[in-house]
Amino acid sequence: MSGFSIDRRGLLGTGLGASLAAGLGTGASAANPAPLAPGRTKADFAGAMKAFRGVVGAEWVFGDEEAVAPWSKTYIPDPAHQYKPVGAVCPQSVEEVQEIVRIANTYKQPLWTVSTGKNMGYGMTAPATPGQVVLDLKRMNRILEVDADLGTCLLEPGVTYQQLKDYLEENKIPLWIDVPTVGPIASPVGNTLDRGVGYTPYGEHFMFQCGMEVCLPDGRLMRTGMGSIKGSTAWQAFKWGYGPYLDGLFTQSNFGIVTKMGLWLMPKPPVYKPFMVRHANMEDVPKIIEAMRPLRVSNLVANCNLMMSASYQLAMFKRRNEIVPDGAPLDEASLKKAATANGLGMWNTYFALYGTEQTVAGVEPIIRATLTASGGEVLTAAEMEGNPWFHHHQTLMQGGLNLDEVGLLRWRGAGGGLAWFAPVAAARGVEAERQTALAKEIVEKHGFDYTAAYAIGWRDLHHIIALLFDKADPAQEQKADACYRELVTRFGAQGWASYRTGVNSMDLVAQQYGEVNRDFNRTLKRAIDPNGILSPGKSGIHP
């Protein structure tokens, strides 16, 4: 059990003094008013904010433009500046969350729930529709339980990966966490609810989730799985409980607010050995996928592989104008020259072996033979010592933490524009080859670079395209918006829809999954949240 009492006011918002001076709950500034939710009046909004202050204290409610600014920052293309909250409220306990939900129902004030809100290329804390108050759960940051024998934990949504890792190390518990790329500042609960992935054998985060506590839209609390059984010791041990499996309903949705979540943690293996496979040509895509798929399906390679293009890798630590002059296209010859100079191939695939000395020694020759036959150079830490890209992936694949990929934001300038596009396909070489060609055609048509990677799952591919632009340049932001929409539309027409998307495209992606799916979600939403107060628009689900 671990309790934390970090004062996060400095992290949660700026302009606190200005907020108090201006009178919280009065709405945005007259100069640049943020729109209220449809049908709501200033009096409704002011009444809700006043009531929120009565629950959490005035210092944790933010209602004017300056104070709300930290929750308005995004990296996604938003040329119309439409993804802005109208306020923020920061509870510290489940009871406060329940009371806030009851107040929101009274005033019909929609709430946009976030854990730590560090989802860089998906919209951060910005809501999908106007007039929402951000329900920021950062202050709910307690590690409630870690069971070293079962390898489980129970967390509140504001806990970060860094906090959990520090706790395990401080208490000498031999368990690993599994992290996304911006792990130090991100939330395990938030990333799992968004169905994010990591890089150890526990990388499918939702697969290793077990048990939730959820505040429903009427303010009642529900525990999933074995959590509703009095005296049960298996809440974090047995996923399914009895009857319909409910946990999935609360991922990528707006049907409830998850206030506690159980996760499984990976036992630290006796041996961890990371590898990189370097391929020399862009055209090697299908050979890599065909070689890696049987290794993944058979679980000889147990972790989610990242197959990184040279341009994505270089963008982490270099600026674009270090490779080609400003305004020039990122041609393949320049890219290959820069990659070679930095010990990289045009594709760089990272995986690791986990086990005992005997099992790793037994499996390694099989894997080496398969990947060498695909034309790749199989390299280990011995050959790649000092290489920052290898070090980055070596760290991630053992649940380590770094913020190296934040460097992507500076690829095209200081303005920091990034939108992730993540279409899914079956793990077949021919599909990856077609996807690569289509993505290059679209991004280059709009004047951007193909900075992409593939995450090779057990039987699937996540094509992770980082659309990088300078958000300080309005013309680039407008082009990035058009480019992103064309990516979603044309990939969807080929059967490659996104598994996850930002607030700028949630409706667009939801449409691709069909009207029957949308009607089902809408029916659920209206039945359990008749006032539409929880995150309207999340994943394209509207009241």
Protein backbone atom coordinates (compact mmCIF):
# COMPACT_ATOMS: atom_id res chain seq x y z
CA MET A 1 0.00 0.00 0.00
CA SER A 2 1.32 3.40 -0.88
CA GLY A 3 -0.25 6.82 -0.40
CA PHE A 4 0.92 9.93 -2.20
CA SER A 5 0.03 13.49 -1.31
CA ILE A 6 1.77 15.43 -4.05
CA ASP A 7 0.52 19.01 -4.35
CA ARG A 8 -0.05 19.19 -8.11
CA ARG A 9 -1.63 22.58 -8.37
CA GLY A 10 1.39 23.79 -10.28
CA LEU A 11 0.99 20.91 -12.74
CA LEU A 12 -2.76 21.09 -13.07
CA GLY A 13 -3.11 24.66 -14.13
CA THR A 14 -1.54 28.05 -14.34
CA GLY A 15 -3.08 31.38 -13.59
CA LEU A 16 -4.57 30.22 -10.32
CA GLY A 17 -4.38 33.67 -8.85
CA ALA A 18 -6.00 35.14 -11.93
CA SER A 19 -8.76 32.57 -11.69
CA LEU A 20 -9.57 33.52 -8.16
CA ALA A 21 -9.41 37.22 -8.93
CA ALA A 22 -11.68 36.84 -11.92
CA GLY A 23 -14.24 34.83 -10.01
CA LEU A 24 -14.34 31.14 -10.86
CA GLY A 25 -17.35 29.86 -12.70
CA THR A 26 -18.01 32.97 -14.66
CA GLY A 27 -17.09 31.37 -17.96
CA ALA A 28 -14.37 32.25 -20.45
CA SER A 29 -13.09 35.74 -21.05
CA ALA A 30 -15.19 38.19 -22.99
CA ALA A 31 -12.36 38.64 -25.49
CA ASN A 32 -12.28 35.04 -26.60
CA PRO A 33 -15.24 33.17 -25.11
CA ALA A 34 -15.20 29.38 -25.21
CA PRO A 35 -18.58 28.06 -26.30
CA LEU A 36 -20.84 26.46 -23.73
CA ALA A 37 -22.42 23.05 -24.27
CA PRO A 38 -25.46 23.06 -26.58
CA GLY A 39 -28.55 24.28 -24.74
CA ARG A 40 -26.65 25.43 -21.67
CA THR A 41 -26.70 29.00 -20.38
CA LYS A 42 -24.08 31.01 -18.54
CA ALA A 43 -26.22 30.63 -15.43
CA ASP A 44 -26.18 26.81 -15.80
CA PHE A 45 -22.41 26.81 -16.19
CA ALA A 46 -21.86 29.22 -13.29
CA GLY A 47 -24.15 27.12 -11.08
CA ALA A 48 -22.25 23.92 -11.87
CA MET A 49 -18.87 25.53 -11.23
CA LYS A 50 -20.04 26.98 -7.93
CA ALA A 51 -21.29 23.56 -6.85
CA PHE A 52 -18.01 21.91 -7.95
CA ARG A 53 -16.12 24.38 -5.74
CA GLY A 54 -18.23 23.27 -2.84
CA VAL A 55 -17.02 19.70 -3.35
CA VAL A 56 -13.29 20.05 -4.14
CA GLY A 57 -12.49 23.58 -2.97
CA ALA A 58 -12.10 26.73 -5.06
CA GLU A 59 -8.41 26.06 -5.71
CA TRP A 60 -9.27 22.93 -7.74
CA VAL A 61 -11.88 24.45 -10.06
CA PHE A 62 -10.78 26.43 -13.12
CA GLY A 63 -13.21 28.47 -15.15
CA ASP A 64 -11.64 31.39 -16.99
CA GLU A 65 -9.66 31.29 -20.20
CA GLU A 66 -6.21 31.81 -18.69
CA ALA A 67 -6.70 29.20 -15.99
CA VAL A 68 -8.09 26.65 -18.45
CA ALA A 69 -5.25 27.15 -20.95
CA PRO A 70 -3.19 24.12 -19.78
CA TRP A 71 -6.10 21.83 -20.65
CA SER A 72 -6.48 23.46 -24.08
CA LYS A 73 -2.99 22.69 -25.40
CA THR A 74 -2.89 20.16 -28.22
CA TYR A 75 -0.41 18.97 -30.83
CA ILE A 76 -3.02 17.70 -33.30
CA PRO A 77 -4.10 19.80 -36.30
CA ASP A 78 -6.95 22.07 -35.20
CA PRO A 79 -7.04 24.99 -37.65
CA ALA A 80 -10.49 26.10 -36.42
CA HIS A 81 -9.35 26.03 -32.75
CA GLN A 82 -12.47 24.07 -31.83
CA TYR A 83 -11.14 21.53 -29.33
CA LYS A 84 -11.17 23.63 -26.17
CA PRO A 85 -12.68 22.91 -22.75
CA VAL A 86 -14.73 25.49 -20.95
CA GLY A 87 -13.40 24.63 -17.50
CA ALA A 88 -11.65 22.02 -15.36
CA VAL A 89 -12.29 20.36 -12.01
CA CYS A 90 -9.83 18.16 -10.12
CA PRO A 91 -11.21 15.75 -7.50
CA GLN A 92 -9.04 13.82 -5.06
CA SER A 93 -11.35 10.95 -4.10
CA VAL A 94 -13.98 8.61 -5.48
CA GLU A 95 -16.58 10.30 -3.30
CA GLU A 96 -15.75 13.65 -4.87
CA VAL A 97 -16.07 12.13 -8.35
CA GLN A 98 -19.51 10.77 -7.45
CA GLU A 99 -20.67 14.16 -6.16
CA ILE A 100 -19.32 15.95 -9.26
CA VAL A 101 -21.25 13.53 -11.47
CA ARG A 102 -24.45 14.20 -9.52
CA ILE A 103 -23.92 17.96 -9.92
CA ALA A 104 -23.23 17.56 -13.63
CA ASN A 105 -26.55 15.76 -13.98
CA THR A 106 -28.35 18.53 -12.14
CA TYR A 107 -26.95 21.25 -14.39
CA LYS A 108 -26.58 19.00 -17.47
CA GLN A 109 -22.94 20.08 -17.64
CA PRO A 110 -20.85 17.62 -19.71
CA LEU A 111 -17.54 16.35 -18.25
CA TRP A 112 -14.53 15.21 -20.30
CA THR A 113 -12.60 12.71 -18.18
CA VAL A 114 -8.78 12.41 -18.32
CA SER A 115 -6.26 10.63 -16.13
CA THR A 116 -2.96 12.43 -16.76
CA GLY A 117 -3.84 13.64 -20.28
CA LYS A 118 -0.42 13.09 -21.88
CA ASN A 119 -1.67 11.48 -25.05
CA MET A 120 0.52 13.64 -27.26
CA GLY A 121 -0.70 12.87 -30.76
CA TYR A 122 -4.31 12.13 -29.86
CA GLY A 123 -5.45 15.40 -28.29
CA MET A 124 -4.05 15.54 -24.73
CA THR A 125 -6.89 16.78 -22.45
CA ALA A 126 -8.92 18.55 -25.14
CA PRO A 127 -12.56 17.40 -25.45
CA ALA A 128 -14.16 16.19 -28.67
CA THR A 129 -17.13 18.57 -28.47
CA PRO A 130 -17.60 22.16 -27.19
CA GLY A 131 -18.66 23.20 -23.72
CA GLN A 132 -17.14 20.38 -21.67
CA VAL A 133 -15.46 20.74 -18.28
CA VAL A 134 -12.36 18.56 -17.99
CA LEU A 135 -12.67 16.10 -15.10
CA ASP A 136 -8.95 15.79 -14.37
CA LEU A 137 -8.12 12.77 -12.18
CA LYS A 138 -4.40 13.51 -11.66
CA ARG A 139 -4.90 14.07 -7.93
CA MET A 140 -6.26 10.52 -7.54
CA ASN A 141 -2.75 9.10 -7.61
CA ARG A 142 -2.56 6.33 -5.02
CA ILE A 143 -1.02 2.91 -5.60
CA LEU A 144 -3.58 0.98 -3.59
CA GLU A 145 -2.04 -2.48 -3.65
CA VAL A 146 0.81 -4.49 -5.14
CA ASP A 147 0.80 -8.27 -4.71
CA ALA A 148 4.34 -9.48 -5.32
CA ASP A 149 3.31 -13.15 -5.35
CA LEU A 150 0.46 -12.86 -7.86
CA GLY A 151 2.14 -10.08 -9.85
CA THR A 152 -0.84 -7.73 -9.64
CA CYS A 153 -1.52 -4.14 -8.69
CA LEU A 154 -4.52 -1.90 -8.06
CA LEU A 155 -4.17 1.74 -9.11
CA GLU A 156 -6.00 5.01 -9.18
CA PRO A 157 -6.15 6.82 -12.54
CA GLY A 158 -3.67 9.58 -11.65
CA VAL A 159 -0.78 7.17 -10.95
CA THR A 160 1.98 7.49 -13.55
CA TYR A 161 4.21 4.73 -14.92
CA GLN A 162 7.16 6.48 -13.27
CA GLN A 163 5.41 6.42 -9.91
CA LEU A 164 4.64 2.71 -10.21
CA LYS A 165 8.18 1.83 -11.30
CA ASP A 166 9.67 3.86 -8.45
CA TYR A 167 7.39 2.06 -5.99
CA LEU A 168 8.49 -1.37 -7.23
CA GLU A 169 12.16 -0.44 -7.06
CA GLU A 170 11.94 1.23 -3.66
CA ASN A 171 10.24 -1.84 -2.24
CA LYS A 172 12.55 -4.29 -4.07
CA ILE A 173 9.64 -6.05 -5.76
CA PRO A 174 10.95 -8.06 -8.76
CA LEU A 175 8.13 -7.13 -11.15
CA TRP A 176 8.32 -5.15 -14.40
CA ILE A 177 5.88 -2.62 -15.73
CA ASP A 178 5.07 -2.29 -19.45
CA VAL A 179 5.23 1.26 -20.78
CA PRO A 180 4.16 3.36 -23.75
CA THR A 181 6.71 5.73 -25.25
CA VAL A 182 6.02 8.67 -22.92
CA GLY A 183 5.75 6.49 -19.84
CA PRO A 184 7.19 8.78 -17.15
CA ILE A 185 4.27 11.21 -17.41
CA ALA A 186 1.49 8.89 -18.66
CA SER A 187 -1.04 6.89 -16.65
CA PRO A 188 -1.27 3.07 -16.76
CA VAL A 189 -5.03 3.38 -16.24
CA GLY A 190 -5.49 6.00 -18.96
CA ASN A 191 -3.31 4.17 -21.49
CA THR A 192 -5.08 0.88 -20.84
CA LEU A 193 -8.50 2.52 -21.22
CA ASP A 194 -7.34 3.85 -24.60
CA ARG A 195 -6.12 0.30 -25.44
CA GLY A 196 -2.54 1.45 -25.79
CA VAL A 197 0.37 -0.94 -26.29
CA GLY A 198 3.88 -1.37 -24.94
CA TYR A 199 6.95 -3.43 -25.72
CA THR A 200 7.41 -6.31 -23.26
CA PRO A 201 5.47 -9.60 -23.48
CA TYR A 202 2.78 -7.75 -21.45
CA GLY A 203 2.48 -5.12 -24.19
CA GLU A 204 -1.23 -5.58 -24.99
CA HIS A 205 -2.25 -3.48 -22.01
CA PHE A 206 -5.97 -4.25 -21.96
CA MET A 207 -5.23 -7.98 -22.14
CA PHE A 208 -3.34 -7.65 -18.84
CA GLN A 209 -6.00 -5.54 -17.13
CA CYS A 210 -8.04 -7.28 -14.40
CA GLY A 211 -10.92 -5.64 -12.52
CA MET A 212 -12.27 -2.09 -12.49
CA GLU A 213 -14.18 0.22 -10.18
CA VAL A 214 -16.42 2.50 -12.24
CA CYS A 215 -18.49 5.54 -11.33
CA LEU A 216 -21.59 5.21 -13.49
CA PRO A 217 -23.33 8.22 -15.06
CA ASP A 218 -25.87 8.30 -12.20
CA GLY A 219 -23.08 8.46 -9.60
CA ARG A 220 -23.31 4.86 -8.39
CA LEU A 221 -20.16 2.74 -8.08
CA MET A 222 -19.81 -0.62 -9.83
CA ARG A 223 -16.97 -3.12 -9.57
CA THR A 224 -16.36 -5.51 -12.46
CA GLY A 225 -15.19 -9.13 -12.41
CA MET A 226 -14.86 -10.51 -8.88
CA GLY A 227 -14.82 -7.02 -7.36
CA SER A 228 -18.52 -7.07 -6.48
CA ILE A 229 -18.21 -10.30 -4.45
CA LYS A 230 -17.92 -9.60 -0.73
CA GLY A 231 -14.74 -11.17 0.63
CA SER A 232 -13.31 -12.16 -2.75
CA THR A 233 -9.52 -12.24 -2.97
CA ALA A 234 -9.54 -12.66 -6.77
CA TRP A 235 -10.55 -9.19 -8.03
CA GLN A 236 -7.12 -8.70 -9.60
CA ALA A 237 -6.59 -12.41 -10.34
CA PHE A 238 -9.64 -13.51 -12.39
CA LYS A 239 -10.78 -11.30 -15.25
CA TRP A 240 -14.18 -12.65 -16.20
CA GLY A 241 -16.46 -12.81 -13.16
CA TYR A 242 -19.94 -14.02 -14.12
CA GLY A 243 -22.26 -13.04 -16.94
CA PRO A 244 -21.41 -10.57 -19.70
CA TYR A 245 -17.83 -9.30 -19.58
CA LEU A 246 -18.22 -5.60 -18.82
CA ASP A 247 -14.70 -4.16 -18.66
CA GLY A 248 -14.45 -3.63 -22.41
CA LEU A 249 -17.47 -1.32 -22.29
CA PHE A 250 -15.43 1.21 -20.36
CA THR A 251 -12.47 1.35 -22.77
CA GLN A 252 -12.48 3.95 -25.56
CA SER A 253 -15.99 4.89 -24.41
CA ASN A 254 -18.02 7.32 -22.33
CA PHE A 255 -20.17 4.89 -20.33
CA GLY A 256 -18.49 5.46 -16.96
CA ILE A 257 -15.51 6.92 -15.09
CA VAL A 258 -12.93 4.32 -14.07
CA THR A 259 -11.74 5.20 -10.57
CA LYS A 260 -9.68 2.06 -9.86
CA MET A 261 -8.08 -0.54 -12.13
CA GLY A 262 -6.24 -3.79 -11.57
CA LEU A 263 -3.26 -4.73 -13.77
CA TRP A 264 -0.99 -7.75 -14.09
CA LEU A 265 2.74 -7.11 -13.84
CA MET A 266 5.44 -9.20 -15.48
CA PRO A 267 7.88 -11.15 -13.27
CA LYS A 268 11.42 -9.96 -13.90
CA PRO A 269 13.06 -12.66 -16.07
CA PRO A 270 16.47 -14.10 -15.19
CA VAL A 271 17.74 -13.20 -18.67
CA TYR A 272 16.77 -10.29 -20.91
CA LYS A 273 18.46 -10.00 -24.31
CA PRO A 274 17.46 -7.21 -26.75
CA PHE A 275 18.06 -7.33 -30.51
CA MET A 276 17.85 -5.04 -33.51
CA VAL A 277 17.45 -6.29 -37.08
CA ARG A 278 18.73 -3.84 -39.66
CA HIS A 279 17.35 -3.94 -43.22
CA ALA A 280 18.92 -1.79 -45.91
CA ASN A 281 16.02 -0.91 -48.21
CA MET A 282 12.51 0.54 -47.99
CA GLU A 283 11.35 -2.32 -50.23
CA ASP A 284 12.24 -4.86 -47.52
CA VAL A 285 8.89 -4.30 -45.74
CA PRO A 286 7.11 -7.53 -46.83
CA LYS A 287 10.15 -9.73 -46.17
CA ILE A 288 10.41 -8.46 -42.60
CA ILE A 289 6.72 -9.08 -41.85
CA GLU A 290 6.73 -12.55 -43.39
CA ALA A 291 9.83 -13.50 -41.40
CA MET A 292 8.58 -12.13 -38.09
CA ARG A 293 4.94 -13.36 -38.20
CA PRO A 294 5.63 -17.07 -37.53
CA LEU A 295 8.00 -16.12 -34.72
CA ARG A 296 5.25 -14.03 -33.12
CA VAL A 297 2.41 -16.50 -33.68
CA SER A 298 4.46 -19.32 -32.17
CA ASN A 299 5.51 -16.99 -29.31
CA LEU A 300 9.19 -17.68 -29.93
CA VAL A 301 9.36 -13.87 -29.97
CA ALA A 302 7.04 -12.97 -27.12
CA ASN A 303 7.06 -9.18 -27.15
CA CYS A 304 5.39 -6.71 -29.49
CA ASN A 305 8.05 -5.76 -32.08
CA LEU A 306 8.57 -2.28 -33.36
CA MET A 307 9.71 -2.05 -36.98
CA MET A 308 10.89 1.53 -37.32
CA SER A 309 11.51 3.44 -40.53
CA ALA A 310 14.75 5.40 -40.77
CA SER A 311 12.85 8.69 -40.98
CA TYR A 312 10.90 8.01 -37.76
CA GLN A 313 14.10 7.03 -35.95
CA LEU A 314 16.03 10.08 -37.14
CA ALA A 315 13.17 12.42 -36.22
CA MET A 316 13.51 11.37 -32.57
CA PHE A 317 16.98 12.91 -32.18
CA LYS A 318 17.61 14.99 -35.32
CA ARG A 319 16.01 17.97 -36.97
CA ARG A 320 14.82 17.70 -40.56
CA ASN A 321 17.15 20.42 -41.81
CA GLU A 322 20.14 18.39 -40.59
CA ILE A 323 19.32 15.89 -43.35
CA VAL A 324 17.89 17.99 -46.20
CA PRO A 325 17.62 21.79 -46.60
CA ASP A 326 14.40 23.48 -45.52
CA GLY A 327 11.79 23.17 -48.23
CA ALA A 328 13.50 20.25 -49.99
CA PRO A 329 11.82 16.85 -50.16
CA LEU A 330 13.15 14.14 -47.86
CA ASP A 331 14.57 12.00 -50.64
CA GLU A 332 15.56 8.39 -50.13
CA ALA A 333 19.24 8.90 -50.92
CA SER A 334 19.61 11.62 -48.25
CA LEU A 335 17.67 9.51 -45.79
CA LYS A 336 19.80 6.42 -46.39
CA LYS A 337 23.00 8.45 -46.05
CA ALA A 338 21.87 9.86 -42.69
CA ALA A 339 20.66 6.47 -41.49
CA THR A 340 23.94 4.76 -42.35
CA ALA A 341 25.94 7.50 -40.64
CA ASN A 342 23.97 6.80 -37.46
CA GLY A 343 24.17 3.01 -37.52
CA LEU A 344 20.61 2.59 -38.78
CA GLY A 345 19.01 0.79 -41.70
CA MET A 346 16.02 1.96 -43.69
CA TRP A 347 13.99 -0.38 -41.45
CA ASN A 348 15.06 -1.24 -37.89
CA THR A 349 13.15 -3.96 -36.06
CA TYR A 350 13.49 -4.35 -32.31
CA PHE A 351 12.61 -7.41 -30.26
CA ALA A 352 13.92 -9.18 -27.17
CA LEU A 353 14.21 -12.63 -25.66
CA TYR A 354 13.13 -13.23 -22.06
CA GLY A 355 13.74 -16.38 -20.04
CA THR A 356 16.54 -18.44 -18.57
CA GLU A 357 20.05 -18.90 -19.94
CA GLN A 358 18.94 -22.24 -21.37
CA THR A 359 15.73 -21.06 -23.05
CA VAL A 360 17.31 -17.95 -24.58
CA ALA A 361 20.28 -19.95 -25.85
CA GLY A 362 17.90 -22.50 -27.33
CA VAL A 363 15.65 -20.03 -29.16
CA GLU A 364 18.21 -17.49 -30.38
CA PRO A 365 19.70 -19.61 -33.22
CA ILE A 366 16.22 -20.30 -34.65
CA ILE A 367 15.35 -16.62 -34.67
CA ARG A 368 18.72 -15.54 -36.05
CA ALA A 369 18.43 -17.98 -38.93
CA THR A 370 14.91 -16.80 -39.85
CA LEU A 371 15.69 -13.09 -39.74
CA THR A 372 19.07 -13.40 -41.47
CA ALA A 373 17.35 -15.23 -44.32
CA SER A 374 15.07 -12.19 -44.74
CA GLY A 375 18.14 -10.12 -45.58
CA GLY A 376 18.49 -8.50 -42.16
CA GLU A 377 21.56 -7.99 -39.99
CA VAL A 378 20.80 -9.32 -36.50
CA LEU A 379 22.55 -7.13 -33.93
CA THR A 380 22.79 -7.16 -30.14
CA ALA A 381 23.92 -4.76 -27.43
CA ALA A 382 27.50 -5.86 -28.08
CA GLU A 383 27.44 -4.40 -31.60
CA MET A 384 25.12 -1.45 -30.83
CA GLU A 385 26.70 -0.14 -27.63
CA GLY A 386 26.42 3.64 -27.46
CA ASN A 387 23.78 3.87 -30.19
CA PRO A 388 20.98 6.09 -28.79
CA TRP A 389 18.24 4.44 -30.86
CA PHE A 390 19.19 0.96 -29.67
CA HIS A 391 19.41 2.26 -26.11
CA HIS A 392 15.92 3.76 -26.43
CA HIS A 393 14.33 0.45 -27.47
CA GLN A 394 16.49 -1.60 -25.11
CA THR A 395 15.04 0.52 -22.31
CA LEU A 396 11.41 0.24 -23.42
CA MET A 397 11.51 -3.54 -23.93
CA GLN A 398 12.41 -4.05 -20.27
CA GLY A 399 9.75 -1.67 -18.97
CA GLY A 400 12.17 1.24 -18.66
CA LEU A 401 11.21 4.87 -19.00
CA ASN A 402 12.30 7.74 -21.18
CA LEU A 403 10.88 10.68 -23.10
CA ASP A 404 13.06 10.32 -26.22
CA GLU A 405 10.11 10.40 -28.62
CA VAL A 406 9.07 13.86 -27.48
CA GLY A 407 11.86 14.90 -29.86
CA LEU A 408 9.51 14.14 -32.77
CA LEU A 409 7.73 17.40 -32.02
CA ARG A 410 10.77 19.42 -33.15
CA TRP A 411 11.27 17.69 -36.52
CA ARG A 412 9.80 20.55 -38.54
CA GLY A 413 10.15 23.48 -36.17
CA ALA A 414 9.48 24.69 -32.68
CA GLY A 415 5.71 24.75 -33.09
CA GLY A 416 5.29 21.09 -32.14
CA GLY A 417 2.66 19.48 -34.37
CA LEU A 418 1.97 15.73 -34.15
CA ALA A 419 -1.01 13.54 -35.03
CA TRP A 420 -0.87 9.75 -34.79
CA PHE A 421 -2.63 7.79 -37.49
CA ALA A 422 -2.87 4.09 -36.58
CA PRO A 423 -4.66 1.84 -39.09
CA VAL A 424 -4.80 -1.88 -38.39
CA ALA A 425 -4.17 -4.74 -40.82
CA ALA A 426 -3.51 -8.46 -40.66
CA ALA A 427 0.19 -9.31 -40.28
CA ARG A 428 0.90 -10.04 -43.93
CA GLY A 429 3.78 -8.64 -45.92
CA VAL A 430 1.67 -7.73 -48.91
CA GLU A 431 -0.64 -5.59 -46.78
CA ALA A 432 2.27 -3.73 -45.22
CA GLU A 433 3.74 -3.12 -48.65
CA ARG A 434 0.45 -1.66 -49.92
CA GLN A 435 -0.02 0.43 -46.79
CA THR A 436 3.47 1.87 -47.01
CA ALA A 437 2.97 2.88 -50.63
CA LEU A 438 -0.43 4.47 -49.93
CA ALA A 439 0.80 6.37 -46.89
CA LYS A 440 3.83 7.74 -48.74
CA GLU A 441 1.65 8.87 -51.64
CA ILE A 442 -0.77 10.77 -49.37
CA VAL A 443 1.68 12.44 -46.99
CA GLU A 444 4.07 13.49 -49.78
CA LYS A 445 1.16 14.91 -51.79
CA HIS A 446 0.47 17.25 -48.87
CA GLY A 447 4.15 18.15 -48.42
CA PHE A 448 4.91 15.97 -45.38
CA ASP A 449 7.32 13.09 -44.68
CA TYR A 450 6.63 9.41 -44.25
CA THR A 451 7.74 9.07 -40.61
CA ALA A 452 6.23 5.74 -39.62
CA ALA A 453 6.65 2.43 -37.84
CA TYR A 454 4.87 -0.91 -37.66
CA ALA A 455 4.00 -2.58 -34.37
CA ILE A 456 3.92 -6.31 -35.11
CA GLY A 457 1.44 -7.97 -32.78
CA TRP A 458 0.61 -11.66 -32.59
CA ARG A 459 -1.40 -11.65 -35.82
CA ASP A 460 -1.91 -7.97 -36.55
CA LEU A 461 -0.06 -4.89 -37.69
CA HIS A 462 -0.49 -1.42 -36.28
CA HIS A 463 0.87 0.98 -38.87
CA ILE A 464 1.87 3.94 -36.69
CA ILE A 465 2.26 7.05 -38.83
CA ALA A 466 3.48 10.19 -37.09
CA LEU A 467 2.19 13.15 -39.07
CA LEU A 468 4.72 15.82 -38.10
CA PHE A 469 4.15 19.48 -38.85
CA ASP A 470 4.90 22.92 -37.44
CA LYS A 471 1.81 23.94 -35.49
CA ALA A 472 3.10 27.51 -35.31
CA ASP A 473 2.62 27.75 -39.10
CA PRO A 474 -1.13 28.14 -39.85
CA ALA A 475 -0.67 27.03 -43.46
CA GLN A 476 1.07 23.82 -42.38
CA GLU A 477 -1.59 23.14 -39.77
CA GLN A 478 -4.31 23.51 -42.42
CA LYS A 479 -2.45 21.11 -44.73
CA ALA A 480 -1.91 18.63 -41.88
CA ASP A 481 -5.64 18.64 -41.16
CA ALA A 482 -6.44 17.88 -44.80
CA CYS A 483 -3.71 15.23 -44.97
CA TYR A 484 -4.94 13.47 -41.84
CA ARG A 485 -8.52 13.32 -43.11
CA GLU A 486 -7.37 11.91 -46.42
CA LEU A 487 -5.33 9.24 -44.61
CA VAL A 488 -8.33 8.17 -42.54
CA THR A 489 -10.70 8.17 -45.50
CA ARG A 490 -8.54 6.41 -48.08
CA PHE A 491 -7.13 3.79 -45.71
CA GLY A 492 -10.66 3.12 -44.45
CA ALA A 493 -11.84 2.56 -48.01
CA GLN A 494 -9.26 -0.25 -48.24
CA GLY A 495 -10.51 -1.87 -45.02
CA TRP A 496 -7.77 -0.41 -42.82
CA ALA A 497 -9.50 1.56 -40.08
CA SER A 498 -7.77 3.05 -37.04
CA TYR A 499 -7.77 1.18 -33.73
CA ARG A 500 -7.44 4.47 -31.87
CA THR A 501 -7.64 8.11 -32.90
CA GLY A 502 -7.55 11.68 -31.67
CA VAL A 503 -10.41 14.02 -30.84
CA ASN A 504 -9.99 15.57 -34.30
CA SER A 505 -11.22 12.43 -36.06
CA MET A 506 -13.35 10.39 -33.66
CA ASP A 507 -16.56 10.80 -35.66
CA LEU A 508 -14.76 10.14 -38.94
CA VAL A 509 -13.31 6.85 -37.70
CA ALA A 510 -16.56 5.80 -35.96
CA GLN A 511 -18.40 6.18 -39.27
CA GLN A 512 -16.07 3.60 -40.82
CA TYR A 513 -17.15 0.97 -38.29
CA GLY A 514 -20.73 1.26 -39.57
CA GLU A 515 -24.16 2.47 -38.52
CA VAL A 516 -25.12 -0.72 -36.67
CA ASN A 517 -22.13 -0.30 -34.35
CA ARG A 518 -22.89 3.39 -33.86
CA ASP A 519 -26.58 2.71 -33.17
CA PHE A 520 -25.70 0.08 -30.58
CA ASN A 521 -23.32 2.46 -28.80
CA ARG A 522 -25.88 5.27 -28.98
CA THR A 523 -28.58 3.03 -27.50
CA LEU A 524 -26.34 2.13 -24.58
CA LYS A 525 -25.35 5.75 -24.09
CA ARG A 526 -28.92 6.99 -23.95
CA ALA A 527 -29.99 4.22 -21.60
CA ILE A 528 -27.29 4.75 -18.97
CA ASP A 529 -26.46 8.44 -19.46
CA PRO A 530 -29.74 10.13 -20.46
CA ASN A 531 -28.37 13.61 -19.75
CA GLY A 532 -25.29 12.96 -21.87
CA ILE A 533 -22.91 14.28 -19.22
CA LEU A 534 -19.96 11.88 -19.63
CA SER A 535 -17.51 12.77 -22.41
CA PRO A 536 -19.98 13.29 -25.28
CA GLY A 537 -18.29 12.60 -28.61
CA LYS A 538 -15.67 10.20 -27.19
CA SER A 539 -14.95 7.58 -29.88
CA GLY A 540 -17.79 9.08 -31.91
CA ILE A 541 -20.40 8.15 -29.27
CA HIS A 542 -22.91 10.95 -28.82
CA PRO A 543 -25.98 11.16 -26.56
